[in-house]
């Protein structure tokens, strides 16, 4: 733990986001309130699918090849994600990752074993938003998952070139229009053909952000693109 983090913990002691007990953001008594995803589903028809792989009949040109999620987006996880993103509680990321069940880690490992030279691609923030926030929560989640899975993280392949509104405030159609054209492939494009890409984000709702990112990556030459969301 850094000296700065020690000072912050003294000035702003951690409180459980569920019961307000001091000491951590997710106390031992409340860890069970974070609901794990029991069954993965196809990102298009939302019907059950092994490891969240896209059903053959649901595949789309330039679409996502599968979606894997860890937790349900219930009030507690919603509160934690919002605190991370809007209150800049970066240290809560590690605690949320620590709640992931071993069964889910094993399932993710199985999905990774099915892929070719996997690499994690966190959804990028627009530079102006990154400057205000000081970190990209998707990148931090990707780095944490990388430690668990030994899958490398690439933060240079794609950039966010369009300043978008927060997706949560918009209708489904408005989300599509908002995110359309927001990303551009900037890095070494040989990564696209030599690796299976796993997009990392904090929340899957309509999926518009990850679907748009998959679209531009596949149009640039990516063979397989999967999505991993911490919550859905």
C-alpha atoms as a PDB file:
ATOM      1  CA  UNK A   1       0.000   0.000   0.000  1.00  0.00           C
ATOM      2  CA  UNK A   2       1.380   3.425  -0.957  1.00  0.00           C
ATOM      3  CA  UNK A   3       1.977   6.234   1.535  1.00  0.00           C
ATOM      4  CA  UNK A   4      -0.689   8.310  -0.218  1.00  0.00           C
ATOM      5  CA  UNK A   5      -3.212   5.487   0.173  1.00  0.00           C
ATOM      6  CA  UNK A   6      -2.392   5.224   3.894  1.00  0.00           C
ATOM      7  CA  UNK A   7      -3.070   8.952   4.324  1.00  0.00           C
ATOM      8  CA  UNK A   8      -6.316   8.695   2.354  1.00  0.00           C
ATOM      9  CA  UNK A   9      -7.480   5.776   4.497  1.00  0.00           C
ATOM     10  CA  UNK A  10      -6.805   7.845   7.618  1.00  0.00           C
ATOM     11  CA  UNK A  11      -8.591  10.930   6.312  1.00  0.00           C
ATOM     12  CA  UNK A  12     -11.406   9.058   4.583  1.00  0.00           C
ATOM     13  CA  UNK A  13     -11.781   5.665   6.297  1.00  0.00           C
ATOM     14  CA  UNK A  14     -13.278   2.893   4.205  1.00  0.00           C
ATOM     15  CA  UNK A  15     -16.911   2.066   4.881  1.00  0.00           C
ATOM     16  CA  UNK A  16     -18.855  -0.904   3.580  1.00  0.00           C
ATOM     17  CA  UNK A  17     -21.184   0.253   0.808  1.00  0.00           C
ATOM     18  CA  UNK A  18     -23.893  -2.023   2.162  1.00  0.00           C
ATOM     19  CA  UNK A  19     -23.872  -1.694   5.962  1.00  0.00           C
ATOM     20  CA  UNK A  20     -21.427   1.241   6.532  1.00  0.00           C
ATOM     21  CA  UNK A  21     -19.148  -0.850   8.749  1.00  0.00           C
ATOM     22  CA  UNK A  22     -15.639   0.635   8.874  1.00  0.00           C
ATOM     23  CA  UNK A  23     -12.614  -1.152   7.445  1.00  0.00           C
ATOM     24  CA  UNK A  24     -13.462  -2.050   3.863  1.00  0.00           C
ATOM     25  CA  UNK A  25     -15.790  -1.191   1.008  1.00  0.00           C
ATOM     26  CA  UNK A  26     -17.250  -4.699   1.037  1.00  0.00           C
ATOM     27  CA  UNK A  27     -17.173  -6.198   4.528  1.00  0.00           C
ATOM     28  CA  UNK A  28     -17.086  -9.950   5.078  1.00  0.00           C
ATOM     29  CA  UNK A  29     -20.709 -10.005   6.208  1.00  0.00           C
ATOM     30  CA  UNK A  30     -21.932  -8.283   3.040  1.00  0.00           C
ATOM     31  CA  UNK A  31     -19.857 -10.100   0.420  1.00  0.00           C
ATOM     32  CA  UNK A  32     -22.727 -12.548  -0.068  1.00  0.00           C
ATOM     33  CA  UNK A  33     -24.981  -9.659  -1.128  1.00  0.00           C
ATOM     34  CA  UNK A  34     -22.965  -9.303  -4.322  1.00  0.00           C
ATOM     35  CA  UNK A  35     -24.818 -11.652  -6.649  1.00  0.00           C
ATOM     36  CA  UNK A  36     -22.727 -13.759  -9.009  1.00  0.00           C
ATOM     37  CA  UNK A  37     -24.016 -14.494 -12.490  1.00  0.00           C
ATOM     38  CA  UNK A  38     -25.299 -18.073 -12.407  1.00  0.00           C
ATOM     39  CA  UNK A  39     -25.712 -18.601 -16.136  1.00  0.00           C
ATOM     40  CA  UNK A  40     -23.944 -16.854 -18.969  1.00  0.00           C
ATOM     41  CA  UNK A  41     -26.020 -15.904 -21.981  1.00  0.00           C
ATOM     42  CA  UNK A  42     -25.629 -15.099 -25.670  1.00  0.00           C
ATOM     43  CA  UNK A  43     -25.080 -11.316 -26.070  1.00  0.00           C
ATOM     44  CA  UNK A  44     -27.734 -11.101 -28.805  1.00  0.00           C
ATOM     45  CA  UNK A  45     -30.721 -13.311 -27.919  1.00  0.00           C
ATOM     46  CA  UNK A  46     -29.951 -13.343 -24.171  1.00  0.00           C
ATOM     47  CA  UNK A  47     -30.679 -17.053 -23.951  1.00  0.00           C
ATOM     48  CA  UNK A  48     -28.413 -19.360 -21.958  1.00  0.00           C
ATOM     49  CA  UNK A  49     -25.119 -20.202 -23.628  1.00  0.00           C
ATOM     50  CA  UNK A  50     -22.070 -22.139 -22.471  1.00  0.00           C
ATOM     51  CA  UNK A  51     -19.450 -19.587 -21.377  1.00  0.00           C
ATOM     52  CA  UNK A  52     -21.578 -16.865 -22.967  1.00  0.00           C
ATOM     53  CA  UNK A  53     -20.550 -17.794 -26.503  1.00  0.00           C
ATOM     54  CA  UNK A  54     -22.694 -16.249 -29.237  1.00  0.00           C
ATOM     55  CA  UNK A  55     -25.090 -18.836 -30.678  1.00  0.00           C
ATOM     56  CA  UNK A  56     -24.328 -19.821 -34.300  1.00  0.00           C
ATOM     57  CA  UNK A  57     -27.724 -18.491 -35.390  1.00  0.00           C
ATOM     58  CA  UNK A  58     -27.152 -15.183 -33.571  1.00  0.00           C
ATOM     59  CA  UNK A  59     -23.786 -14.335 -35.086  1.00  0.00           C
ATOM     60  CA  UNK A  60     -23.495 -11.022 -36.862  1.00  0.00           C
ATOM     61  CA  UNK A  61     -20.953  -9.667 -39.259  1.00  0.00           C
ATOM     62  CA  UNK A  62     -18.447  -7.742 -37.140  1.00  0.00           C
ATOM     63  CA  UNK A  63     -20.364  -8.779 -34.014  1.00  0.00           C
ATOM     64  CA  UNK A  64     -19.214  -9.978 -30.607  1.00  0.00           C
ATOM     65  CA  UNK A  65     -18.341 -13.672 -30.392  1.00  0.00           C
ATOM     66  CA  UNK A  66     -19.305 -14.029 -26.746  1.00  0.00           C
ATOM     67  CA  UNK A  67     -20.038 -12.237 -23.476  1.00  0.00           C
ATOM     68  CA  UNK A  68     -18.750 -13.309 -20.073  1.00  0.00           C
ATOM     69  CA  UNK A  69     -19.893 -11.488 -16.925  1.00  0.00           C
ATOM     70  CA  UNK A  70     -19.185 -11.939 -13.214  1.00  0.00           C
ATOM     71  CA  UNK A  71     -21.861 -10.132 -11.171  1.00  0.00           C
ATOM     72  CA  UNK A  72     -25.444  -8.978 -11.516  1.00  0.00           C
ATOM     73  CA  UNK A  73     -25.898  -5.207 -11.632  1.00  0.00           C
ATOM     74  CA  UNK A  74     -27.958  -5.060  -8.439  1.00  0.00           C
ATOM     75  CA  UNK A  75     -28.092  -2.043  -6.073  1.00  0.00           C
ATOM     76  CA  UNK A  76     -24.887  -2.955  -4.204  1.00  0.00           C
ATOM     77  CA  UNK A  77     -22.721  -3.557  -7.273  1.00  0.00           C
ATOM     78  CA  UNK A  78     -24.316  -0.528  -8.937  1.00  0.00           C
ATOM     79  CA  UNK A  79     -23.310   1.576  -5.928  1.00  0.00           C
ATOM     80  CA  UNK A  80     -19.753   0.227  -6.016  1.00  0.00           C
ATOM     81  CA  UNK A  81     -19.323   0.863  -9.756  1.00  0.00           C
ATOM     82  CA  UNK A  82     -20.680   4.399  -9.435  1.00  0.00           C
ATOM     83  CA  UNK A  83     -18.360   5.117  -6.518  1.00  0.00           C
ATOM     84  CA  UNK A  84     -15.406   3.930  -8.587  1.00  0.00           C
ATOM     85  CA  UNK A  85     -16.358   5.967 -11.659  1.00  0.00           C
ATOM     86  CA  UNK A  86     -17.835   9.134 -10.204  1.00  0.00           C
ATOM     87  CA  UNK A  87     -16.327   9.320  -6.712  1.00  0.00           C
ATOM     88  CA  UNK A  88     -12.941   8.083  -7.945  1.00  0.00           C
ATOM     89  CA  UNK A  89     -12.725   5.268  -5.379  1.00  0.00           C
ATOM     90  CA  UNK A  90     -10.080   3.368  -7.317  1.00  0.00           C
ATOM     91  CA  UNK A  91      -9.164   1.099  -4.408  1.00  0.00           C
ATOM     92  CA  UNK A  92     -12.662  -0.439  -4.453  1.00  0.00           C
ATOM     93  CA  UNK A  93     -11.745  -2.197  -7.704  1.00  0.00           C
ATOM     94  CA  UNK A  94      -9.427  -4.658  -5.981  1.00  0.00           C
ATOM     95  CA  UNK A  95     -12.065  -5.481  -3.367  1.00  0.00           C
ATOM     96  CA  UNK A  96     -14.733  -6.157  -5.993  1.00  0.00           C
ATOM     97  CA  UNK A  97     -12.376  -8.421  -7.949  1.00  0.00           C
ATOM     98  CA  UNK A  98     -11.582 -10.324  -4.735  1.00  0.00           C
ATOM     99  CA  UNK A  99     -15.259 -11.340  -4.451  1.00  0.00           C
ATOM    100  CA  UNK A 100     -15.167 -13.295  -7.727  1.00  0.00           C
ATOM    101  CA  UNK A 101     -15.877 -16.957  -7.015  1.00  0.00           C
ATOM    102  CA  UNK A 102     -13.329 -19.596  -7.974  1.00  0.00           C
ATOM    103  CA  UNK A 103     -15.964 -21.234 -10.187  1.00  0.00           C
ATOM    104  CA  UNK A 104     -16.165 -18.068 -12.276  1.00  0.00           C
ATOM    105  CA  UNK A 105     -12.393 -17.855 -12.531  1.00  0.00           C
ATOM    106  CA  UNK A 106     -12.320 -21.449 -13.769  1.00  0.00           C
ATOM    107  CA  UNK A 107     -15.018 -20.704 -16.359  1.00  0.00           C
ATOM    108  CA  UNK A 108     -13.095 -17.657 -17.591  1.00  0.00           C
ATOM    109  CA  UNK A 109      -9.961 -19.799 -17.808  1.00  0.00           C
ATOM    110  CA  UNK A 110     -11.867 -22.306 -19.935  1.00  0.00           C
ATOM    111  CA  UNK A 111     -12.994 -19.542 -22.305  1.00  0.00           C
ATOM    112  CA  UNK A 112      -9.441 -18.235 -22.540  1.00  0.00           C
ATOM    113  CA  UNK A 113      -8.097 -21.730 -23.315  1.00  0.00           C
ATOM    114  CA  UNK A 114     -10.463 -21.898 -26.294  1.00  0.00           C
ATOM    115  CA  UNK A 115      -8.974 -18.731 -27.763  1.00  0.00           C
ATOM    116  CA  UNK A 116      -5.862 -18.003 -29.792  1.00  0.00           C
ATOM    117  CA  UNK A 117      -3.184 -15.959 -27.988  1.00  0.00           C
ATOM    118  CA  UNK A 118      -5.758 -13.943 -26.013  1.00  0.00           C
ATOM    119  CA  UNK A 119      -5.232 -10.319 -25.125  1.00  0.00           C
ATOM    120  CA  UNK A 120      -7.309  -7.968 -22.958  1.00  0.00           C
ATOM    121  CA  UNK A 121      -8.435  -4.649 -24.460  1.00  0.00           C
ATOM    122  CA  UNK A 122     -10.009  -2.284 -21.887  1.00  0.00           C
ATOM    123  CA  UNK A 123     -12.652   0.068 -23.273  1.00  0.00           C
ATOM    124  CA  UNK A 124     -10.799   3.399 -23.561  1.00  0.00           C
ATOM    125  CA  UNK A 125     -11.923   6.686 -22.069  1.00  0.00           C
ATOM    126  CA  UNK A 126     -11.899   9.942 -23.984  1.00  0.00           C
ATOM    127  CA  UNK A 127      -8.721  11.894 -23.025  1.00  0.00           C
ATOM    128  CA  UNK A 128     -10.752  14.679 -21.414  1.00  0.00           C
ATOM    129  CA  UNK A 129     -12.607  12.228 -19.173  1.00  0.00           C
ATOM    130  CA  UNK A 130      -9.398  10.384 -18.327  1.00  0.00           C
ATOM    131  CA  UNK A 131      -7.820  13.711 -17.314  1.00  0.00           C
ATOM    132  CA  UNK A 132     -10.701  14.461 -14.951  1.00  0.00           C
ATOM    133  CA  UNK A 133     -10.886  10.970 -13.470  1.00  0.00           C
ATOM    134  CA  UNK A 134      -7.174  10.207 -13.369  1.00  0.00           C
ATOM    135  CA  UNK A 135      -7.655   6.543 -14.278  1.00  0.00           C
ATOM    136  CA  UNK A 136      -9.691   4.298 -16.554  1.00  0.00           C
ATOM    137  CA  UNK A 137     -11.743   1.864 -14.482  1.00  0.00           C
ATOM    138  CA  UNK A 138     -11.939  -0.604 -17.405  1.00  0.00           C
ATOM    139  CA  UNK A 139      -8.135  -0.607 -17.610  1.00  0.00           C
ATOM    140  CA  UNK A 140      -7.836  -1.196 -13.861  1.00  0.00           C
ATOM    141  CA  UNK A 141     -10.289  -4.100 -14.061  1.00  0.00           C
ATOM    142  CA  UNK A 142      -8.322  -5.497 -17.023  1.00  0.00           C
ATOM    143  CA  UNK A 143      -5.061  -5.319 -15.074  1.00  0.00           C
ATOM    144  CA  UNK A 144      -6.660  -7.104 -12.117  1.00  0.00           C
ATOM    145  CA  UNK A 145      -8.070  -9.849 -14.350  1.00  0.00           C
ATOM    146  CA  UNK A 146      -4.675 -10.107 -16.053  1.00  0.00           C
ATOM    147  CA  UNK A 147      -3.086 -10.992 -12.715  1.00  0.00           C
ATOM    148  CA  UNK A 148      -5.634 -13.779 -12.277  1.00  0.00           C
ATOM    149  CA  UNK A 149      -5.463 -15.169 -15.815  1.00  0.00           C
ATOM    150  CA  UNK A 150      -1.956 -14.214 -17.049  1.00  0.00           C
ATOM    151  CA  UNK A 151      -3.534 -12.677 -20.156  1.00  0.00           C
ATOM    152  CA  UNK A 152      -1.643  -9.525 -21.258  1.00  0.00           C
ATOM    153  CA  UNK A 153      -3.335  -6.122 -21.484  1.00  0.00           C
ATOM    154  CA  UNK A 154      -3.039  -3.819 -24.501  1.00  0.00           C
ATOM    155  CA  UNK A 155      -4.096  -0.196 -23.950  1.00  0.00           C
ATOM    156  CA  UNK A 156      -2.670   1.184 -27.195  1.00  0.00           C
ATOM    157  CA  UNK A 157      -4.654  -0.656 -29.856  1.00  0.00           C
ATOM    158  CA  UNK A 158      -7.766   1.504 -29.800  1.00  0.00           C
ATOM    159  CA  UNK A 159      -8.548   5.096 -28.795  1.00  0.00           C
ATOM    160  CA  UNK A 160     -11.730   6.969 -28.022  1.00  0.00           C
ATOM    161  CA  UNK A 161     -11.890   9.863 -30.453  1.00  0.00           C
ATOM    162  CA  UNK A 162     -15.431  11.082 -29.777  1.00  0.00           C
ATOM    163  CA  UNK A 163     -16.510  12.685 -26.517  1.00  0.00           C
ATOM    164  CA  UNK A 164     -19.741  10.886 -25.684  1.00  0.00           C
ATOM    165  CA  UNK A 165     -22.428  11.374 -23.097  1.00  0.00           C
ATOM    166  CA  UNK A 166     -22.725   8.807 -20.268  1.00  0.00           C
ATOM    167  CA  UNK A 167     -24.627   5.877 -21.774  1.00  0.00           C
ATOM    168  CA  UNK A 168     -26.697   5.247 -18.633  1.00  0.00           C
ATOM    169  CA  UNK A 169     -28.631   8.475 -19.186  1.00  0.00           C
ATOM    170  CA  UNK A 170     -29.781   7.586 -22.703  1.00  0.00           C
ATOM    171  CA  UNK A 171     -32.431   5.460 -24.429  1.00  0.00           C
ATOM    172  CA  UNK A 172     -31.361   2.399 -26.420  1.00  0.00           C
ATOM    173  CA  UNK A 173     -31.509   4.276 -29.752  1.00  0.00           C
ATOM    174  CA  UNK A 174     -29.752   7.298 -28.291  1.00  0.00           C
ATOM    175  CA  UNK A 175     -27.011   5.023 -26.941  1.00  0.00           C
ATOM    176  CA  UNK A 176     -26.368   3.677 -30.416  1.00  0.00           C
ATOM    177  CA  UNK A 177     -26.165   7.155 -31.916  1.00  0.00           C
ATOM    178  CA  UNK A 178     -24.037   8.399 -29.045  1.00  0.00           C
ATOM    179  CA  UNK A 179     -21.401   5.676 -29.335  1.00  0.00           C
ATOM    180  CA  UNK A 180     -21.330   5.375 -33.141  1.00  0.00           C
ATOM    181  CA  UNK A 181     -17.932   6.462 -34.451  1.00  0.00           C
ATOM    182  CA  UNK A 182     -16.490   6.887 -30.953  1.00  0.00           C
ATOM    183  CA  UNK A 183     -13.474   4.584 -31.425  1.00  0.00           C
ATOM    184  CA  UNK A 184     -10.542   4.302 -33.778  1.00  0.00           C
ATOM    185  CA  UNK A 185      -7.890   1.606 -34.147  1.00  0.00           C
ATOM    186  CA  UNK A 186      -4.569   3.349 -33.544  1.00  0.00           C
ATOM    187  CA  UNK A 187      -1.981   0.762 -32.534  1.00  0.00           C
ATOM    188  CA  UNK A 188      -0.170  -2.114 -34.206  1.00  0.00           C
ATOM    189  CA  UNK A 189      -2.802  -3.716 -36.426  1.00  0.00           C
ATOM    190  CA  UNK A 190      -0.891  -7.005 -36.537  1.00  0.00           C
ATOM    191  CA  UNK A 191      -2.386  -7.581 -33.071  1.00  0.00           C
ATOM    192  CA  UNK A 192      -5.780  -7.941 -34.758  1.00  0.00           C
ATOM    193  CA  UNK A 193      -4.842 -10.992 -36.803  1.00  0.00           C
ATOM    194  CA  UNK A 194      -2.456 -12.617 -34.324  1.00  0.00           C
ATOM    195  CA  UNK A 195      -4.640 -12.540 -31.219  1.00  0.00           C
ATOM    196  CA  UNK A 196      -8.191 -13.140 -30.040  1.00  0.00           C
ATOM    197  CA  UNK A 197      -9.355  -9.943 -28.388  1.00  0.00           C
ATOM    198  CA  UNK A 198     -11.240  -9.732 -25.088  1.00  0.00           C
ATOM    199  CA  UNK A 199     -12.864  -6.354 -24.497  1.00  0.00           C
ATOM    200  CA  UNK A 200     -13.074  -5.387 -20.811  1.00  0.00           C
ATOM    201  CA  UNK A 201     -15.724  -3.060 -19.366  1.00  0.00           C
ATOM    202  CA  UNK A 202     -17.375  -2.478 -16.013  1.00  0.00           C
ATOM    203  CA  UNK A 203     -21.050  -2.794 -17.026  1.00  0.00           C
ATOM    204  CA  UNK A 204     -22.982  -4.527 -19.809  1.00  0.00           C
ATOM    205  CA  UNK A 205     -26.417  -2.960 -20.238  1.00  0.00           C
ATOM    206  CA  UNK A 206     -27.551  -2.654 -23.841  1.00  0.00           C
ATOM    207  CA  UNK A 207     -24.083  -3.675 -25.000  1.00  0.00           C
ATOM    208  CA  UNK A 208     -23.910  -0.761 -27.439  1.00  0.00           C
ATOM    209  CA  UNK A 209     -20.408   0.322 -26.401  1.00  0.00           C
ATOM    210  CA  UNK A 210     -18.832  -3.122 -26.672  1.00  0.00           C
ATOM    211  CA  UNK A 211     -20.715  -3.915 -29.886  1.00  0.00           C
ATOM    212  CA  UNK A 212     -19.445  -0.703 -31.483  1.00  0.00           C
ATOM    213  CA  UNK A 213     -15.902  -1.469 -30.390  1.00  0.00           C
ATOM    214  CA  UNK A 214     -16.186  -4.991 -31.787  1.00  0.00           C
ATOM    215  CA  UNK A 215     -17.479  -3.557 -35.064  1.00  0.00           C
ATOM    216  CA  UNK A 216     -14.521  -1.259 -35.632  1.00  0.00           C
ATOM    217  CA  UNK A 217     -11.981  -3.902 -34.562  1.00  0.00           C
ATOM    218  CA  UNK A 218     -13.397  -6.529 -36.902  1.00  0.00           C
ATOM    219  CA  UNK A 219     -13.637  -4.078 -39.760  1.00  0.00           C
ATOM    220  CA  UNK A 220      -9.937  -3.396 -39.159  1.00  0.00           C
ATOM    221  CA  UNK A 221      -9.124  -7.116 -39.396  1.00  0.00           C
ATOM    222  CA  UNK A 222      -9.771  -8.756 -36.011  1.00  0.00           C
ATOM    223  CA  UNK A 223     -10.830 -12.392 -36.297  1.00  0.00           C
ATOM    224  CA  UNK A 224     -12.460 -12.991 -32.904  1.00  0.00           C
ATOM    225  CA  UNK A 225     -13.699 -10.429 -30.386  1.00  0.00           C
ATOM    226  CA  UNK A 226     -15.203 -11.380 -27.019  1.00  0.00           C
ATOM    227  CA  UNK A 227     -16.565  -9.159 -24.245  1.00  0.00           C
ATOM    228  CA  UNK A 228     -15.952  -9.432 -20.513  1.00  0.00           C
ATOM    229  CA  UNK A 229     -18.040  -7.267 -18.209  1.00  0.00           C
ATOM    230  CA  UNK A 230     -17.658  -7.096 -14.454  1.00  0.00           C
ATOM    231  CA  UNK A 231     -21.431  -6.648 -14.089  1.00  0.00           C
ATOM    232  CA  UNK A 232     -24.570  -7.003 -16.198  1.00  0.00           C
END
